[in-house]
C-alpha atoms as a PDB file:
ATOM      1  CA  UNK A   1      -0.005   0.003   0.010  1.00  0.00           C
ATOM      2  CA  UNK A   2       1.337   3.423  -0.940  1.00  0.00           C
ATOM      3  CA  UNK A   3       0.018   6.483   0.822  1.00  0.00           C
ATOM      4  CA  UNK A   4      -0.367   9.487  -1.456  1.00  0.00           C
ATOM      5  CA  UNK A   5      -1.138  13.076  -0.371  1.00  0.00           C
ATOM      6  CA  UNK A   6      -3.805  14.965  -2.262  1.00  0.00           C
ATOM      7  CA  UNK A   7      -1.483  16.902  -4.577  1.00  0.00           C
ATOM      8  CA  UNK A   8       0.288  13.702  -5.648  1.00  0.00           C
ATOM      9  CA  UNK A   9      -3.040  11.973  -6.195  1.00  0.00           C
ATOM     10  CA  UNK A  10      -4.236  14.691  -8.576  1.00  0.00           C
ATOM     11  CA  UNK A  11      -0.997  14.593 -10.543  1.00  0.00           C
ATOM     12  CA  UNK A  12      -0.960  10.805 -10.670  1.00  0.00           C
ATOM     13  CA  UNK A  13      -4.564  10.769 -11.875  1.00  0.00           C
ATOM     14  CA  UNK A  14      -3.844  13.122 -14.765  1.00  0.00           C
ATOM     15  CA  UNK A  15      -0.736  11.185 -15.802  1.00  0.00           C
ATOM     16  CA  UNK A  16      -2.702   7.952 -15.778  1.00  0.00           C
ATOM     17  CA  UNK A  17      -5.350   9.403 -18.098  1.00  0.00           C
ATOM     18  CA  UNK A  18      -2.780  10.714 -20.526  1.00  0.00           C
ATOM     19  CA  UNK A  19      -0.508   7.690 -20.623  1.00  0.00           C
ATOM     20  CA  UNK A  20      -2.691   4.661 -19.988  1.00  0.00           C
ATOM     21  CA  UNK A  21      -6.304   5.217 -21.085  1.00  0.00           C
ATOM     22  CA  UNK A  22      -7.567   2.516 -23.408  1.00  0.00           C
ATOM     23  CA  UNK A  23     -11.022   4.111 -23.687  1.00  0.00           C
ATOM     24  CA  UNK A  24     -11.803   6.946 -26.057  1.00  0.00           C
ATOM     25  CA  UNK A  25     -12.670   9.338 -23.215  1.00  0.00           C
ATOM     26  CA  UNK A  26     -11.832  13.035 -23.225  1.00  0.00           C
ATOM     27  CA  UNK A  27      -8.815  14.053 -21.160  1.00  0.00           C
ATOM     28  CA  UNK A  28     -10.025  16.540 -18.542  1.00  0.00           C
ATOM     29  CA  UNK A  29      -8.697  17.747 -15.219  1.00  0.00           C
ATOM     30  CA  UNK A  30     -10.371  16.315 -12.156  1.00  0.00           C
ATOM     31  CA  UNK A  31     -12.159  18.801  -9.951  1.00  0.00           C
ATOM     32  CA  UNK A  32     -12.616  18.841  -6.201  1.00  0.00           C
ATOM     33  CA  UNK A  33     -15.655  20.588  -4.749  1.00  0.00           C
ATOM     34  CA  UNK A  34     -17.584  20.995  -1.533  1.00  0.00           C
ATOM     35  CA  UNK A  35     -21.341  21.247  -1.167  1.00  0.00           C
ATOM     36  CA  UNK A  36     -22.517  24.050   1.109  1.00  0.00           C
ATOM     37  CA  UNK A  37     -25.887  23.579   2.786  1.00  0.00           C
ATOM     38  CA  UNK A  38     -25.390  25.792   5.836  1.00  0.00           C
ATOM     39  CA  UNK A  39     -23.346  28.649   7.276  1.00  0.00           C
ATOM     40  CA  UNK A  40     -21.253  26.019   9.063  1.00  0.00           C
ATOM     41  CA  UNK A  41     -20.491  24.334   5.734  1.00  0.00           C
ATOM     42  CA  UNK A  42     -19.434  27.720   4.353  1.00  0.00           C
ATOM     43  CA  UNK A  43     -17.025  28.121   7.277  1.00  0.00           C
ATOM     44  CA  UNK A  44     -15.592  24.653   6.605  1.00  0.00           C
ATOM     45  CA  UNK A  45     -15.105  25.578   2.946  1.00  0.00           C
ATOM     46  CA  UNK A  46     -13.175  28.675   4.030  1.00  0.00           C
ATOM     47  CA  UNK A  47     -10.970  26.518   6.268  1.00  0.00           C
ATOM     48  CA  UNK A  48     -10.400  23.870   3.590  1.00  0.00           C
ATOM     49  CA  UNK A  49      -9.849  25.803   0.381  1.00  0.00           C
ATOM     50  CA  UNK A  50      -6.177  26.557   1.131  1.00  0.00           C
ATOM     51  CA  UNK A  51      -5.452  22.847   1.702  1.00  0.00           C
ATOM     52  CA  UNK A  52      -7.257  21.596  -1.409  1.00  0.00           C
ATOM     53  CA  UNK A  53      -6.093  23.153  -4.687  1.00  0.00           C
ATOM     54  CA  UNK A  54      -8.841  24.886  -6.681  1.00  0.00           C
ATOM     55  CA  UNK A  55     -11.629  23.693  -4.403  1.00  0.00           C
ATOM     56  CA  UNK A  56     -14.990  24.706  -5.914  1.00  0.00           C
ATOM     57  CA  UNK A  57     -17.761  25.993  -3.595  1.00  0.00           C
ATOM     58  CA  UNK A  58     -21.139  24.434  -4.369  1.00  0.00           C
ATOM     59  CA  UNK A  59     -23.902  26.195  -2.414  1.00  0.00           C
ATOM     60  CA  UNK A  60     -27.496  24.973  -2.366  1.00  0.00           C
ATOM     61  CA  UNK A  61     -29.331  28.003  -3.732  1.00  0.00           C
ATOM     62  CA  UNK A  62     -32.874  26.689  -4.237  1.00  0.00           C
ATOM     63  CA  UNK A  63     -35.301  23.795  -3.973  1.00  0.00           C
ATOM     64  CA  UNK A  64     -37.875  23.074  -6.660  1.00  0.00           C
ATOM     65  CA  UNK A  65     -41.141  21.457  -5.597  1.00  0.00           C
ATOM     66  CA  UNK A  66     -44.157  20.336  -7.596  1.00  0.00           C
ATOM     67  CA  UNK A  67     -47.551  21.473  -6.327  1.00  0.00           C
ATOM     68  CA  UNK A  68     -50.923  22.210  -7.912  1.00  0.00           C
ATOM     69  CA  UNK A  69     -49.680  21.248 -11.341  1.00  0.00           C
ATOM     70  CA  UNK A  70     -46.627  23.484 -11.482  1.00  0.00           C
ATOM     71  CA  UNK A  71     -43.070  23.935 -10.258  1.00  0.00           C
ATOM     72  CA  UNK A  72     -42.480  26.186  -7.272  1.00  0.00           C
ATOM     73  CA  UNK A  73     -39.092  27.657  -6.347  1.00  0.00           C
ATOM     74  CA  UNK A  74     -38.007  28.040  -2.717  1.00  0.00           C
ATOM     75  CA  UNK A  75     -34.833  30.037  -2.329  1.00  0.00           C
ATOM     76  CA  UNK A  76     -32.191  28.573  -0.037  1.00  0.00           C
ATOM     77  CA  UNK A  77     -28.704  30.010   0.565  1.00  0.00           C
ATOM     78  CA  UNK A  78     -27.266  33.137  -1.019  1.00  0.00           C
ATOM     79  CA  UNK A  79     -25.135  32.403  -4.097  1.00  0.00           C
ATOM     80  CA  UNK A  80     -22.516  34.671  -2.491  1.00  0.00           C
ATOM     81  CA  UNK A  81     -22.305  32.712   0.780  1.00  0.00           C
ATOM     82  CA  UNK A  82     -18.860  31.343  -0.130  1.00  0.00           C
ATOM     83  CA  UNK A  83     -17.501  34.793  -0.930  1.00  0.00           C
ATOM     84  CA  UNK A  84     -16.432  36.044  -4.342  1.00  0.00           C
ATOM     85  CA  UNK A  85     -15.381  32.673  -5.813  1.00  0.00           C
ATOM     86  CA  UNK A  86     -17.239  31.305  -8.838  1.00  0.00           C
ATOM     87  CA  UNK A  87     -19.638  28.540  -7.800  1.00  0.00           C
ATOM     88  CA  UNK A  88     -21.257  25.310  -8.871  1.00  0.00           C
ATOM     89  CA  UNK A  89     -24.888  26.168  -8.075  1.00  0.00           C
ATOM     90  CA  UNK A  90     -27.018  23.396  -6.570  1.00  0.00           C
ATOM     91  CA  UNK A  91     -30.749  23.199  -7.206  1.00  0.00           C
ATOM     92  CA  UNK A  92     -32.539  20.479  -5.282  1.00  0.00           C
ATOM     93  CA  UNK A  93     -35.593  18.814  -6.830  1.00  0.00           C
ATOM     94  CA  UNK A  94     -37.445  17.338  -3.865  1.00  0.00           C
ATOM     95  CA  UNK A  95     -39.598  14.203  -3.740  1.00  0.00           C
ATOM     96  CA  UNK A  96     -42.709  16.109  -4.766  1.00  0.00           C
ATOM     97  CA  UNK A  97     -41.142  16.360  -8.243  1.00  0.00           C
ATOM     98  CA  UNK A  98     -41.933  12.660  -8.682  1.00  0.00           C
ATOM     99  CA  UNK A  99     -45.602  13.647  -9.143  1.00  0.00           C
ATOM    100  CA  UNK A 100     -44.760  15.831 -12.114  1.00  0.00           C
ATOM    101  CA  UNK A 101     -44.216  12.763 -14.309  1.00  0.00           C
ATOM    102  CA  UNK A 102     -47.925  11.934 -14.059  1.00  0.00           C
ATOM    103  CA  UNK A 103     -49.060  15.441 -14.911  1.00  0.00           C
ATOM    104  CA  UNK A 104     -46.749  17.320 -17.282  1.00  0.00           C
ATOM    105  CA  UNK A 105     -45.157  16.169 -20.547  1.00  0.00           C
ATOM    106  CA  UNK A 106     -41.408  16.573 -21.033  1.00  0.00           C
ATOM    107  CA  UNK A 107     -41.639  19.836 -23.061  1.00  0.00           C
ATOM    108  CA  UNK A 108     -43.638  21.574 -20.347  1.00  0.00           C
ATOM    109  CA  UNK A 109     -41.402  20.273 -17.552  1.00  0.00           C
ATOM    110  CA  UNK A 110     -38.315  21.444 -19.424  1.00  0.00           C
ATOM    111  CA  UNK A 111     -39.879  24.890 -19.983  1.00  0.00           C
ATOM    112  CA  UNK A 112     -40.757  25.192 -16.292  1.00  0.00           C
ATOM    113  CA  UNK A 113     -37.261  24.145 -15.309  1.00  0.00           C
ATOM    114  CA  UNK A 114     -35.787  26.710 -17.705  1.00  0.00           C
ATOM    115  CA  UNK A 115     -37.925  29.470 -16.161  1.00  0.00           C
ATOM    116  CA  UNK A 116     -36.742  28.542 -12.665  1.00  0.00           C
ATOM    117  CA  UNK A 117     -33.055  28.374 -13.624  1.00  0.00           C
ATOM    118  CA  UNK A 118     -33.210  31.660 -15.520  1.00  0.00           C
ATOM    119  CA  UNK A 119     -34.616  33.428 -12.455  1.00  0.00           C
ATOM    120  CA  UNK A 120     -31.907  31.922 -10.255  1.00  0.00           C
ATOM    121  CA  UNK A 121     -29.282  33.074 -12.764  1.00  0.00           C
ATOM    122  CA  UNK A 122     -30.587  36.616 -12.450  1.00  0.00           C
ATOM    123  CA  UNK A 123     -30.415  36.355  -8.674  1.00  0.00           C
ATOM    124  CA  UNK A 124     -26.805  35.150  -8.809  1.00  0.00           C
ATOM    125  CA  UNK A 125     -25.844  37.928 -11.224  1.00  0.00           C
ATOM    126  CA  UNK A 126     -27.399  40.499  -8.900  1.00  0.00           C
ATOM    127  CA  UNK A 127     -25.258  39.116  -6.090  1.00  0.00           C
ATOM    128  CA  UNK A 128     -22.159  39.416  -8.265  1.00  0.00           C
ATOM    129  CA  UNK A 129     -21.622  35.649  -8.353  1.00  0.00           C
ATOM    130  CA  UNK A 130     -20.357  33.774 -11.389  1.00  0.00           C
ATOM    131  CA  UNK A 131     -21.894  30.334 -11.940  1.00  0.00           C
ATOM    132  CA  UNK A 132     -19.390  27.848 -13.342  1.00  0.00           C
ATOM    133  CA  UNK A 133     -21.911  25.041 -13.600  1.00  0.00           C
ATOM    134  CA  UNK A 134     -25.332  23.896 -12.432  1.00  0.00           C
ATOM    135  CA  UNK A 135     -25.956  20.766 -10.389  1.00  0.00           C
ATOM    136  CA  UNK A 136     -29.480  19.338 -10.399  1.00  0.00           C
ATOM    137  CA  UNK A 137     -29.815  17.272  -7.244  1.00  0.00           C
ATOM    138  CA  UNK A 138     -32.635  14.815  -7.960  1.00  0.00           C
ATOM    139  CA  UNK A 139     -33.077  11.230  -6.767  1.00  0.00           C
ATOM    140  CA  UNK A 140     -34.818  10.183  -9.951  1.00  0.00           C
ATOM    141  CA  UNK A 141     -36.817   6.946  -9.700  1.00  0.00           C
ATOM    142  CA  UNK A 142     -35.081   4.353 -11.821  1.00  0.00           C
ATOM    143  CA  UNK A 143     -38.185   3.762 -13.961  1.00  0.00           C
ATOM    144  CA  UNK A 144     -38.205   7.504 -14.842  1.00  0.00           C
ATOM    145  CA  UNK A 145     -34.601   7.774 -16.033  1.00  0.00           C
ATOM    146  CA  UNK A 146     -35.638   7.847 -19.695  1.00  0.00           C
ATOM    147  CA  UNK A 147     -38.132  10.654 -19.076  1.00  0.00           C
ATOM    148  CA  UNK A 148     -35.612  12.565 -16.976  1.00  0.00           C
ATOM    149  CA  UNK A 149     -33.073  12.320 -19.794  1.00  0.00           C
ATOM    150  CA  UNK A 150     -35.700  13.655 -22.222  1.00  0.00           C
ATOM    151  CA  UNK A 151     -36.430  16.651 -19.977  1.00  0.00           C
ATOM    152  CA  UNK A 152     -32.708  17.380 -19.747  1.00  0.00           C
ATOM    153  CA  UNK A 153     -32.321  17.041 -23.519  1.00  0.00           C
ATOM    154  CA  UNK A 154     -35.132  19.508 -24.106  1.00  0.00           C
ATOM    155  CA  UNK A 155     -33.754  21.862 -21.498  1.00  0.00           C
ATOM    156  CA  UNK A 156     -30.633  22.023 -23.634  1.00  0.00           C
ATOM    157  CA  UNK A 157     -32.064  21.868 -27.173  1.00  0.00           C
ATOM    158  CA  UNK A 158     -35.365  23.755 -26.913  1.00  0.00           C
ATOM    159  CA  UNK A 159     -33.903  26.756 -25.091  1.00  0.00           C
ATOM    160  CA  UNK A 160     -30.624  26.978 -26.983  1.00  0.00           C
ATOM    161  CA  UNK A 161     -28.877  27.580 -23.671  1.00  0.00           C
ATOM    162  CA  UNK A 162     -25.466  26.016 -23.290  1.00  0.00           C
ATOM    163  CA  UNK A 163     -25.374  25.623 -19.516  1.00  0.00           C
ATOM    164  CA  UNK A 164     -22.741  23.346 -18.045  1.00  0.00           C
ATOM    165  CA  UNK A 165     -25.057  20.904 -16.324  1.00  0.00           C
ATOM    166  CA  UNK A 166     -24.291  18.079 -13.893  1.00  0.00           C
ATOM    167  CA  UNK A 167     -26.848  15.803 -12.301  1.00  0.00           C
ATOM    168  CA  UNK A 168     -26.665  13.621  -9.223  1.00  0.00           C
ATOM    169  CA  UNK A 169     -26.985   9.860  -9.571  1.00  0.00           C
ATOM    170  CA  UNK A 170     -27.463   6.797  -7.373  1.00  0.00           C
ATOM    171  CA  UNK A 171     -25.762   3.411  -7.448  1.00  0.00           C
ATOM    172  CA  UNK A 172     -29.087   1.854  -8.512  1.00  0.00           C
ATOM    173  CA  UNK A 173     -29.131   4.053 -11.628  1.00  0.00           C
ATOM    174  CA  UNK A 174     -26.071   2.218 -12.928  1.00  0.00           C
ATOM    175  CA  UNK A 175     -28.177  -0.949 -13.248  1.00  0.00           C
ATOM    176  CA  UNK A 176     -29.923   0.673 -16.222  1.00  0.00           C
ATOM    177  CA  UNK A 177     -27.914  -0.525 -19.247  1.00  0.00           C
ATOM    178  CA  UNK A 178     -28.806   2.672 -21.102  1.00  0.00           C
ATOM    179  CA  UNK A 179     -27.966   5.078 -18.284  1.00  0.00           C
ATOM    180  CA  UNK A 180     -24.862   6.551 -19.918  1.00  0.00           C
ATOM    181  CA  UNK A 181     -26.172   6.324 -23.464  1.00  0.00           C
ATOM    182  CA  UNK A 182     -29.280   8.353 -22.552  1.00  0.00           C
ATOM    183  CA  UNK A 183     -27.249  11.240 -21.150  1.00  0.00           C
ATOM    184  CA  UNK A 184     -24.211  11.442 -23.413  1.00  0.00           C
ATOM    185  CA  UNK A 185     -24.046  14.852 -25.044  1.00  0.00           C
ATOM    186  CA  UNK A 186     -26.820  16.191 -22.815  1.00  0.00           C
ATOM    187  CA  UNK A 187     -25.124  16.688 -19.448  1.00  0.00           C
ATOM    188  CA  UNK A 188     -21.482  17.393 -18.565  1.00  0.00           C
ATOM    189  CA  UNK A 189     -21.631  14.365 -16.286  1.00  0.00           C
ATOM    190  CA  UNK A 190     -23.115  12.855 -13.124  1.00  0.00           C
ATOM    191  CA  UNK A 191     -22.129  12.918  -9.472  1.00  0.00           C
ATOM    192  CA  UNK A 192     -22.555   9.465  -7.962  1.00  0.00           C
ATOM    193  CA  UNK A 193     -23.829   9.963  -4.430  1.00  0.00           C
ATOM    194  CA  UNK A 194     -22.666   7.376  -1.945  1.00  0.00           C
ATOM    195  CA  UNK A 195     -22.783   9.380   1.290  1.00  0.00           C
ATOM    196  CA  UNK A 196     -26.070   7.764   2.382  1.00  0.00           C
ATOM    197  CA  UNK A 197     -24.665   4.315   1.640  1.00  0.00           C
ATOM    198  CA  UNK A 198     -23.474   2.109   4.460  1.00  0.00           C
ATOM    199  CA  UNK A 199     -21.727  -0.096   1.941  1.00  0.00           C
ATOM    200  CA  UNK A 200     -21.986  -1.444  -1.534  1.00  0.00           C
ATOM    201  CA  UNK A 201     -24.837  -3.766  -2.528  1.00  0.00           C
ATOM    202  CA  UNK A 202     -24.111  -7.393  -1.688  1.00  0.00           C
ATOM    203  CA  UNK A 203     -21.583  -8.920  -4.034  1.00  0.00           C
ATOM    204  CA  UNK A 204     -20.461  -5.573  -5.503  1.00  0.00           C
ATOM    205  CA  UNK A 205     -16.929  -4.267  -4.883  1.00  0.00           C
ATOM    206  CA  UNK A 206     -15.501  -0.813  -5.463  1.00  0.00           C
ATOM    207  CA  UNK A 207     -13.718  -2.180  -8.535  1.00  0.00           C
ATOM    208  CA  UNK A 208     -17.002  -3.620  -9.830  1.00  0.00           C
ATOM    209  CA  UNK A 209     -18.632  -0.243  -9.366  1.00  0.00           C
ATOM    210  CA  UNK A 210     -15.726   1.480 -11.133  1.00  0.00           C
ATOM    211  CA  UNK A 211     -16.137  -0.960 -14.041  1.00  0.00           C
ATOM    212  CA  UNK A 212     -19.842  -0.112 -14.332  1.00  0.00           C
ATOM    213  CA  UNK A 213     -19.016   3.574 -14.375  1.00  0.00           C
ATOM    214  CA  UNK A 214     -16.463   2.986 -17.119  1.00  0.00           C
ATOM    215  CA  UNK A 215     -18.923   0.954 -19.180  1.00  0.00           C
ATOM    216  CA  UNK A 216     -21.472   3.791 -19.170  1.00  0.00           C
ATOM    217  CA  UNK A 217     -18.859   6.073 -20.783  1.00  0.00           C
ATOM    218  CA  UNK A 218     -20.176   9.191 -19.063  1.00  0.00           C
ATOM    219  CA  UNK A 219     -18.014  11.625 -17.061  1.00  0.00           C
ATOM    220  CA  UNK A 220     -18.566  11.145 -13.331  1.00  0.00           C
ATOM    221  CA  UNK A 221     -17.566  12.461  -9.960  1.00  0.00           C
ATOM    222  CA  UNK A 222     -17.910  10.755  -6.606  1.00  0.00           C
ATOM    223  CA  UNK A 223     -20.085  12.414  -3.981  1.00  0.00           C
ATOM    224  CA  UNK A 224     -18.735  11.470  -0.556  1.00  0.00           C
ATOM    225  CA  UNK A 225     -19.712  12.416   2.977  1.00  0.00           C
ATOM    226  CA  UNK A 226     -17.559  13.752   5.821  1.00  0.00           C
ATOM    227  CA  UNK A 227     -20.025  12.403   8.390  1.00  0.00           C
ATOM    228  CA  UNK A 228     -21.333   9.046   9.483  1.00  0.00           C
ATOM    229  CA  UNK A 229     -24.974   8.120   9.794  1.00  0.00           C
ATOM    230  CA  UNK A 230     -25.891   5.918  12.676  1.00  0.00           C
ATOM    231  CA  UNK A 231     -28.320   4.989  15.396  1.00  0.00           C
ATOM    232  CA  UNK A 232     -27.141   5.601  18.907  1.00  0.00           C
ATOM    233  CA  UNK A 233     -23.456   4.719  19.049  1.00  0.00           C
ATOM    234  CA  UNK A 234     -23.568   2.363  16.061  1.00  0.00           C
ATOM    235  CA  UNK A 235     -22.365   3.832  12.771  1.00  0.00           C
ATOM    236  CA  UNK A 236     -24.325   2.757   9.704  1.00  0.00           C
ATOM    237  CA  UNK A 237     -21.888   4.249   7.216  1.00  0.00           C
ATOM    238  CA  UNK A 238     -18.113   4.367   6.946  1.00  0.00           C
ATOM    239  CA  UNK A 239     -17.162   7.076   4.527  1.00  0.00           C
ATOM    240  CA  UNK A 240     -13.446   6.783   5.283  1.00  0.00           C
ATOM    241  CA  UNK A 241     -13.533   3.543   3.294  1.00  0.00           C
ATOM    242  CA  UNK A 242     -14.949   5.405   0.330  1.00  0.00           C
ATOM    243  CA  UNK A 243     -12.172   7.993   0.559  1.00  0.00           C
ATOM    244  CA  UNK A 244      -9.564   5.225   0.729  1.00  0.00           C
ATOM    245  CA  UNK A 245     -11.082   3.567  -2.365  1.00  0.00           C
ATOM    246  CA  UNK A 246     -10.799   6.749  -4.432  1.00  0.00           C
ATOM    247  CA  UNK A 247      -7.673   5.596  -6.355  1.00  0.00           C
ATOM    248  CA  UNK A 248      -9.694   2.659  -7.731  1.00  0.00           C
ATOM    249  CA  UNK A 249     -11.991   5.212  -9.342  1.00  0.00           C
ATOM    250  CA  UNK A 250      -9.342   7.773 -10.230  1.00  0.00           C
ATOM    251  CA  UNK A 251      -7.747   5.472 -12.862  1.00  0.00           C
ATOM    252  CA  UNK A 252     -11.078   5.416 -14.701  1.00  0.00           C
ATOM    253  CA  UNK A 253     -10.822   7.592 -17.836  1.00  0.00           C
ATOM    254  CA  UNK A 254     -14.282   9.036 -17.116  1.00  0.00           C
ATOM    255  CA  UNK A 255     -13.435  10.097 -13.566  1.00  0.00           C
ATOM    256  CA  UNK A 256     -13.715  13.851 -13.052  1.00  0.00           C
ATOM    257  CA  UNK A 257     -13.094  14.312  -9.339  1.00  0.00           C
ATOM    258  CA  UNK A 258     -14.623  14.354  -5.912  1.00  0.00           C
ATOM    259  CA  UNK A 259     -17.443  16.332  -4.307  1.00  0.00           C
ATOM    260  CA  UNK A 260     -17.755  16.332  -0.515  1.00  0.00           C
ATOM    261  CA  UNK A 261     -20.910  16.791   1.579  1.00  0.00           C
ATOM    262  CA  UNK A 262     -19.567  17.929   4.966  1.00  0.00           C
ATOM    263  CA  UNK A 263     -22.842  18.168   6.926  1.00  0.00           C
ATOM    264  CA  UNK A 264     -21.029  20.482   9.302  1.00  0.00           C
ATOM    265  CA  UNK A 265     -17.978  18.229   9.667  1.00  0.00           C
ATOM    266  CA  UNK A 266     -14.375  19.058   8.729  1.00  0.00           C
ATOM    267  CA  UNK A 267     -13.022  16.749   6.068  1.00  0.00           C
ATOM    268  CA  UNK A 268      -9.574  17.824   4.786  1.00  0.00           C
ATOM    269  CA  UNK A 269      -7.924  15.396   7.229  1.00  0.00           C
ATOM    270  CA  UNK A 270      -9.468  12.499   5.310  1.00  0.00           C
ATOM    271  CA  UNK A 271      -7.602  13.264   2.101  1.00  0.00           C
ATOM    272  CA  UNK A 272      -4.006  12.345   3.151  1.00  0.00           C
ATOM    273  CA  UNK A 273      -5.295   8.835   3.936  1.00  0.00           C
ATOM    274  CA  UNK A 274      -5.896   8.129   0.266  1.00  0.00           C
ATOM    275  CA  UNK A 275      -4.045   5.000  -0.735  1.00  0.00           C
ATOM    276  CA  UNK A 276      -3.337   3.204  -3.946  1.00  0.00           C
ATOM    277  CA  UNK A 277      -2.855  -0.528  -4.065  1.00  0.00           C
ATOM    278  CA  UNK A 278       0.395  -1.520  -5.828  1.00  0.00           C
END
């Protein structure tokens, strides 16, 4: 086992892509970011940004809900909460959005989503904040992945807007054989969220998961947590193991970095523990 500090890991990852990729994937620099869902998270970002090169702040700026046949926007944190740095803006689509599939066709949903994002763009501009990319945080039901992809396609094609758009994904989504194919050319990539996961599904290893991600041929990031969920004194998750498995994912030609959900917990100390198996 070879322990590698963060800076070495980033350099090693880039060199691996350039020298050893057997897949026709684009060469792109991996990005490290932190989600910000509270003032405490913003303080952690301020503490961490000097230790993590080019750390991107990713504040939650709004939640979209579906009620009475239409989308409603609830503002969350200020786009400027992380200071003057350009941001990856997070828009959460809550569980009520599931009902929209039964009511609105894809063109109307895409138009409603465009209206909401345009208004949030104006708010960010008024705050003097540059948006590097948008992250749509939606736990899409697996059976709706095709419809979700169609809404995202229309959001891009019908409006003519060239937003840099990332979506969140779940491990279960990777079971869909067309997951990557549906989204190629529509989104910049997906952020695989594992911070609510106590472990991998039975019989699945980190290398198996990395192979699935490679097969889908879609740029991805890992979304990890700096906290542990548990009941009483018993932890139900062990995110340190996910951090230590990062090198297994970093050799993947579609890997684009790491996003951390701190939930009020410091996390920079987890990074020097990253190890690569010889």
